[in-house]
Amino acid sequence: GSHTITYDYTDGNGCSGSASDDIEVFDLPTVTFTALDELCIDAGVQMVLGTGVPPGGVYSGPGVTDGGDGLMYNFDPAAAGVGIHTITYSYDDTNGCTGTFSDDVEVFDLPAVMFTGPADQCIDAIAQTGLGGGTPTGGVYSGSGVSDDGNGATYSFAPAKAGVGVHTITYDYTDAKG
């Protein structure tokens, strides 16, 4: 609001004088933005940092870059790295007052996944049942000649189905964080 500041002075003779001036104090702008959900590190660049209110502000934080137009900003979880990161939206109003809003986004690491593939096979070898051992458990095997044993937990590899050549067997696992 508007405030009056007064300076009063009395000299040694008892004479006094005063001067007054008004000063206006501006409130900070109210600033918000829609925060990102939690992300896996391999989620790719998120081009969604542009919902800040009022529009025309600037985003900052680890992994945040300008989309090239000064209005839309991107967040790259791989550039930010694994962990909790604070993204801040700042807006300067016409009075020169700056409002900011911050929120955290968590970037999750990928689960460590591994398995031991079957040994090299001749084309006429019987199907290798019980393909398993992938860690963490609960993943899915895929590739040429790979099929589910019907229980969703073990898989088979059939050399005749795969055909002659080198084949890649993949073990995919998705953790509780997606």
C-alpha atoms as a PDB file:
ATOM      1  CA  GLY A   1       0.000   0.000   0.000  1.00  0.00           C
ATOM      2  CA  SER A   2       0.832   3.698   0.095  1.00  0.00           C
ATOM      3  CA  HIS A   3       2.689   5.010   3.136  1.00  0.00           C
ATOM      4  CA  THR A   4       3.717   8.519   4.203  1.00  0.00           C
ATOM      5  CA  ILE A   5       7.168   8.972   5.662  1.00  0.00           C
ATOM      6  CA  THR A   6       7.741  12.176   7.657  1.00  0.00           C
ATOM      7  CA  TYR A   7      10.987  13.658   8.885  1.00  0.00           C
ATOM      8  CA  ASP A   8      10.658  16.136  11.796  1.00  0.00           C
ATOM      9  CA  TYR A   9      13.523  18.299  13.012  1.00  0.00           C
ATOM     10  CA  THR A  10      13.804  20.785  15.863  1.00  0.00           C
ATOM     11  CA  ASP A  11      16.874  22.992  16.054  1.00  0.00           C
ATOM     12  CA  GLY A  12      18.578  24.374  19.146  1.00  0.00           C
ATOM     13  CA  ASN A  13      16.285  27.453  19.177  1.00  0.00           C
ATOM     14  CA  GLY A  14      13.129  25.343  19.387  1.00  0.00           C
ATOM     15  CA  CYS A  15      12.224  25.940  15.791  1.00  0.00           C
ATOM     16  CA  SER A  16      10.945  22.917  13.972  1.00  0.00           C
ATOM     17  CA  GLY A  17      10.291  21.835  10.446  1.00  0.00           C
ATOM     18  CA  SER A  18       9.187  18.701   8.719  1.00  0.00           C
ATOM     19  CA  ALA A  19       9.181  17.104   5.319  1.00  0.00           C
ATOM     20  CA  SER A  20       6.963  14.292   4.093  1.00  0.00           C
ATOM     21  CA  ASP A  21       6.938  12.014   1.113  1.00  0.00           C
ATOM     22  CA  ASP A  22       4.763   9.116   0.046  1.00  0.00           C
ATOM     23  CA  ILE A  23       6.126   5.718  -0.834  1.00  0.00           C
ATOM     24  CA  GLU A  24       4.204   2.820  -2.326  1.00  0.00           C
ATOM     25  CA  VAL A  25       5.063  -0.769  -1.407  1.00  0.00           C
ATOM     26  CA  PHE A  26       4.047  -3.314  -4.026  1.00  0.00           C
ATOM     27  CA  ASP A  27       3.055  -6.894  -3.276  1.00  0.00           C
ATOM     28  CA  LEU A  28       4.969  -9.707  -4.948  1.00  0.00           C
ATOM     29  CA  PRO A  29       3.176 -11.305  -7.895  1.00  0.00           C
ATOM     30  CA  THR A  30       1.433 -14.599  -7.183  1.00  0.00           C
ATOM     31  CA  VAL A  31       3.205 -17.251  -9.240  1.00  0.00           C
ATOM     32  CA  THR A  32       2.354 -20.920  -9.874  1.00  0.00           C
ATOM     33  CA  PHE A  33       3.071 -23.688 -12.373  1.00  0.00           C
ATOM     34  CA  THR A  34       2.010 -27.273 -12.880  1.00  0.00           C
ATOM     35  CA  ALA A  35       4.761 -29.507 -11.568  1.00  0.00           C
ATOM     36  CA  LEU A  36       6.079 -32.563 -13.375  1.00  0.00           C
ATOM     37  CA  ASP A  37       5.327 -36.085 -12.210  1.00  0.00           C
ATOM     38  CA  GLU A  38       8.136 -38.349 -11.093  1.00  0.00           C
ATOM     39  CA  LEU A  39      10.182 -39.634 -14.045  1.00  0.00           C
ATOM     40  CA  CYS A  40      12.594 -42.396 -14.922  1.00  0.00           C
ATOM     41  CA  ILE A  41      15.985 -41.186 -16.077  1.00  0.00           C
ATOM     42  CA  ASP A  42      15.318 -42.503 -19.603  1.00  0.00           C
ATOM     43  CA  ALA A  43      11.938 -40.737 -20.008  1.00  0.00           C
ATOM     44  CA  GLY A  44      13.387 -38.334 -22.579  1.00  0.00           C
ATOM     45  CA  VAL A  45      13.096 -34.572 -22.732  1.00  0.00           C
ATOM     46  CA  GLN A  46       9.805 -33.325 -21.263  1.00  0.00           C
ATOM     47  CA  MET A  47       8.477 -30.331 -23.211  1.00  0.00           C
ATOM     48  CA  VAL A  48       5.848 -29.349 -20.660  1.00  0.00           C
ATOM     49  CA  LEU A  49       7.333 -26.470 -18.705  1.00  0.00           C
ATOM     50  CA  GLY A  50       5.161 -23.679 -20.062  1.00  0.00           C
ATOM     51  CA  THR A  51       2.159 -23.568 -17.765  1.00  0.00           C
ATOM     52  CA  GLY A  52       3.520 -20.906 -15.421  1.00  0.00           C
ATOM     53  CA  VAL A  53       1.068 -18.233 -14.285  1.00  0.00           C
ATOM     54  CA  PRO A  54       1.343 -15.394 -15.037  1.00  0.00           C
ATOM     55  CA  PRO A  55       2.879 -16.223 -18.417  1.00  0.00           C
ATOM     56  CA  GLY A  56       6.219 -14.768 -19.437  1.00  0.00           C
ATOM     57  CA  GLY A  57       8.356 -16.033 -16.567  1.00  0.00           C
ATOM     58  CA  VAL A  58      11.504 -18.091 -16.590  1.00  0.00           C
ATOM     59  CA  TYR A  59      12.080 -21.677 -15.416  1.00  0.00           C
ATOM     60  CA  SER A  60      15.343 -22.772 -13.851  1.00  0.00           C
ATOM     61  CA  GLY A  61      16.866 -25.790 -12.177  1.00  0.00           C
ATOM     62  CA  PRO A  62      18.926 -28.860 -13.007  1.00  0.00           C
ATOM     63  CA  GLY A  63      18.039 -30.262 -16.438  1.00  0.00           C
ATOM     64  CA  VAL A  64      15.917 -27.217 -17.406  1.00  0.00           C
ATOM     65  CA  THR A  65      16.548 -25.526 -20.764  1.00  0.00           C
ATOM     66  CA  ASP A  66      14.771 -22.861 -22.800  1.00  0.00           C
ATOM     67  CA  GLY A  67      12.744 -24.419 -25.618  1.00  0.00           C
ATOM     68  CA  GLY A  68      14.029 -21.687 -27.930  1.00  0.00           C
ATOM     69  CA  ASP A  69      11.135 -19.246 -27.759  1.00  0.00           C
ATOM     70  CA  GLY A  70      11.532 -17.894 -24.219  1.00  0.00           C
ATOM     71  CA  LEU A  71       8.055 -19.191 -23.315  1.00  0.00           C
ATOM     72  CA  MET A  72       8.311 -22.965 -23.292  1.00  0.00           C
ATOM     73  CA  TYR A  73      10.979 -24.719 -21.279  1.00  0.00           C
ATOM     74  CA  ASN A  74      12.127 -28.347 -21.314  1.00  0.00           C
ATOM     75  CA  PHE A  75      13.205 -30.708 -18.565  1.00  0.00           C
ATOM     76  CA  ASP A  76      15.700 -33.464 -19.366  1.00  0.00           C
ATOM     77  CA  PRO A  77      15.788 -36.079 -16.598  1.00  0.00           C
ATOM     78  CA  ALA A  78      19.045 -37.542 -17.957  1.00  0.00           C
ATOM     79  CA  ALA A  79      20.743 -34.128 -17.755  1.00  0.00           C
ATOM     80  CA  ALA A  80      19.364 -33.539 -14.249  1.00  0.00           C
ATOM     81  CA  GLY A  81      20.432 -36.975 -13.032  1.00  0.00           C
ATOM     82  CA  VAL A  82      18.980 -39.361 -10.486  1.00  0.00           C
ATOM     83  CA  GLY A  83      17.556 -37.688  -7.388  1.00  0.00           C
ATOM     84  CA  ILE A  84      15.162 -34.968  -6.283  1.00  0.00           C
ATOM     85  CA  HIS A  85      15.515 -31.687  -8.189  1.00  0.00           C
ATOM     86  CA  THR A  86      13.919 -28.322  -7.525  1.00  0.00           C
ATOM     87  CA  ILE A  87      12.425 -26.509 -10.517  1.00  0.00           C
ATOM     88  CA  THR A  88      11.686 -22.823 -10.010  1.00  0.00           C
ATOM     89  CA  TYR A  89       9.423 -20.515 -12.013  1.00  0.00           C
ATOM     90  CA  SER A  90      10.227 -16.789 -11.638  1.00  0.00           C
ATOM     91  CA  TYR A  91       8.149 -13.907 -12.912  1.00  0.00           C
ATOM     92  CA  ASP A  92       8.995 -10.161 -12.855  1.00  0.00           C
ATOM     93  CA  ASP A  93       5.962  -7.853 -12.897  1.00  0.00           C
ATOM     94  CA  THR A  94       5.767  -4.285 -14.293  1.00  0.00           C
ATOM     95  CA  ASN A  95       6.759  -2.862 -10.882  1.00  0.00           C
ATOM     96  CA  GLY A  96      10.011  -4.806 -10.903  1.00  0.00           C
ATOM     97  CA  CYS A  97       8.837  -7.194  -8.187  1.00  0.00           C
ATOM     98  CA  THR A  98       9.761 -10.855  -8.590  1.00  0.00           C
ATOM     99  CA  GLY A  99       7.558 -13.751  -7.570  1.00  0.00           C
ATOM    100  CA  THR A 100       8.789 -17.334  -7.542  1.00  0.00           C
ATOM    101  CA  PHE A 101       7.255 -20.779  -7.185  1.00  0.00           C
ATOM    102  CA  SER A 102       9.296 -23.952  -6.748  1.00  0.00           C
ATOM    103  CA  ASP A 103       8.434 -27.616  -6.795  1.00  0.00           C
ATOM    104  CA  ASP A 104      10.428 -30.821  -6.764  1.00  0.00           C
ATOM    105  CA  VAL A 105      10.599 -33.533  -9.396  1.00  0.00           C
ATOM    106  CA  GLU A 106      12.151 -36.894  -8.614  1.00  0.00           C
ATOM    107  CA  VAL A 107      14.171 -38.721 -11.244  1.00  0.00           C
ATOM    108  CA  PHE A 108      14.478 -42.483 -10.707  1.00  0.00           C
ATOM    109  CA  ASP A 109      17.374 -44.630 -11.859  1.00  0.00           C
ATOM    110  CA  LEU A 110      16.682 -47.634 -14.064  1.00  0.00           C
ATOM    111  CA  PRO A 111      16.677 -51.002 -12.319  1.00  0.00           C
ATOM    112  CA  ALA A 112      19.804 -53.109 -12.772  1.00  0.00           C
ATOM    113  CA  VAL A 113      18.670 -56.012 -14.978  1.00  0.00           C
ATOM    114  CA  MET A 114      20.579 -59.093 -16.022  1.00  0.00           C
ATOM    115  CA  PHE A 115      20.214 -62.713 -17.101  1.00  0.00           C
ATOM    116  CA  THR A 116      22.348 -65.496 -18.475  1.00  0.00           C
ATOM    117  CA  GLY A 117      21.314 -66.585 -21.935  1.00  0.00           C
ATOM    118  CA  PRO A 118      21.305 -70.178 -23.135  1.00  0.00           C
ATOM    119  CA  ALA A 119      24.445 -71.646 -24.665  1.00  0.00           C
ATOM    120  CA  ASP A 120      24.846 -71.730 -28.443  1.00  0.00           C
ATOM    121  CA  GLN A 121      22.538 -74.366 -29.976  1.00  0.00           C
ATOM    122  CA  CYS A 122      22.302 -76.438 -33.122  1.00  0.00           C
ATOM    123  CA  ILE A 123      19.185 -75.820 -35.215  1.00  0.00           C
ATOM    124  CA  ASP A 124      17.855 -79.305 -34.402  1.00  0.00           C
ATOM    125  CA  ALA A 125      18.246 -78.951 -30.603  1.00  0.00           C
ATOM    126  CA  ILE A 126      15.091 -79.359 -28.555  1.00  0.00           C
ATOM    127  CA  ALA A 127      13.492 -76.282 -27.122  1.00  0.00           C
ATOM    128  CA  GLN A 128      15.307 -75.023 -24.044  1.00  0.00           C
ATOM    129  CA  THR A 129      12.510 -74.853 -21.470  1.00  0.00           C
ATOM    130  CA  GLY A 130      12.600 -72.916 -18.250  1.00  0.00           C
ATOM    131  CA  LEU A 131      14.576 -69.977 -19.598  1.00  0.00           C
ATOM    132  CA  GLY A 132      14.822 -67.927 -16.437  1.00  0.00           C
ATOM    133  CA  GLY A 133      17.216 -66.521 -13.920  1.00  0.00           C
ATOM    134  CA  GLY A 134      16.596 -62.937 -14.901  1.00  0.00           C
ATOM    135  CA  THR A 135      16.992 -60.479 -12.065  1.00  0.00           C
ATOM    136  CA  PRO A 136      15.083 -58.854 -10.629  1.00  0.00           C
ATOM    137  CA  THR A 137      12.393 -61.492 -11.023  1.00  0.00           C
ATOM    138  CA  GLY A 138       9.139 -60.708 -12.772  1.00  0.00           C
ATOM    139  CA  GLY A 139      10.477 -59.585 -16.133  1.00  0.00           C
ATOM    140  CA  VAL A 140       9.574 -60.755 -19.616  1.00  0.00           C
ATOM    141  CA  TYR A 141      11.809 -62.513 -22.142  1.00  0.00           C
ATOM    142  CA  SER A 142      11.473 -61.800 -25.846  1.00  0.00           C
ATOM    143  CA  GLY A 143      13.254 -62.411 -29.126  1.00  0.00           C
ATOM    144  CA  SER A 144      13.235 -64.798 -32.060  1.00  0.00           C
ATOM    145  CA  GLY A 145      12.349 -68.295 -30.911  1.00  0.00           C
ATOM    146  CA  VAL A 146      11.341 -67.202 -27.386  1.00  0.00           C
ATOM    147  CA  SER A 147       7.920 -68.122 -26.023  1.00  0.00           C
ATOM    148  CA  ASP A 148       6.151 -67.964 -22.659  1.00  0.00           C
ATOM    149  CA  ASP A 149       5.860 -71.357 -20.948  1.00  0.00           C
ATOM    150  CA  GLY A 150       2.285 -70.408 -20.070  1.00  0.00           C
ATOM    151  CA  ASN A 151       2.916 -69.328 -16.496  1.00  0.00           C
ATOM    152  CA  GLY A 152       4.222 -65.811 -17.085  1.00  0.00           C
ATOM    153  CA  ALA A 153       7.359 -66.635 -15.116  1.00  0.00           C
ATOM    154  CA  THR A 154       9.454 -68.961 -17.291  1.00  0.00           C
ATOM    155  CA  TYR A 155      10.124 -68.940 -20.995  1.00  0.00           C
ATOM    156  CA  SER A 156      11.505 -71.311 -23.636  1.00  0.00           C
ATOM    157  CA  PHE A 157      13.909 -70.845 -26.506  1.00  0.00           C
ATOM    158  CA  ALA A 158      13.366 -72.980 -29.627  1.00  0.00           C
ATOM    159  CA  PRO A 159      16.378 -72.938 -32.003  1.00  0.00           C
ATOM    160  CA  ALA A 160      14.262 -74.255 -34.926  1.00  0.00           C
ATOM    161  CA  LYS A 161      11.773 -71.383 -34.478  1.00  0.00           C
ATOM    162  CA  ALA A 162      14.563 -68.823 -34.277  1.00  0.00           C
ATOM    163  CA  GLY A 163      16.351 -70.104 -37.355  1.00  0.00           C
ATOM    164  CA  VAL A 164      20.027 -70.225 -38.206  1.00  0.00           C
ATOM    165  CA  GLY A 165      22.030 -67.181 -37.128  1.00  0.00           C
ATOM    166  CA  VAL A 166      22.747 -65.002 -34.140  1.00  0.00           C
ATOM    167  CA  HIS A 167      19.661 -64.006 -32.171  1.00  0.00           C
ATOM    168  CA  THR A 168      19.189 -61.509 -29.391  1.00  0.00           C
ATOM    169  CA  ILE A 169      17.179 -62.547 -26.369  1.00  0.00           C
ATOM    170  CA  THR A 170      16.001 -59.623 -24.297  1.00  0.00           C
ATOM    171  CA  TYR A 171      14.906 -59.567 -20.675  1.00  0.00           C
ATOM    172  CA  ASP A 172      12.698 -56.548 -19.891  1.00  0.00           C
ATOM    173  CA  TYR A 173      11.828 -55.619 -16.337  1.00  0.00           C
ATOM    174  CA  THR A 174       9.664 -52.728 -15.138  1.00  0.00           C
ATOM    175  CA  ASP A 175       9.889 -51.793 -11.475  1.00  0.00           C
ATOM    176  CA  ALA A 176       7.117 -50.441  -9.242  1.00  0.00           C
ATOM    177  CA  LYS A 177       8.038 -46.873 -10.213  1.00  0.00           C
ATOM    178  CA  GLY A 178       7.362 -47.600 -13.859  1.00  0.00           C
END
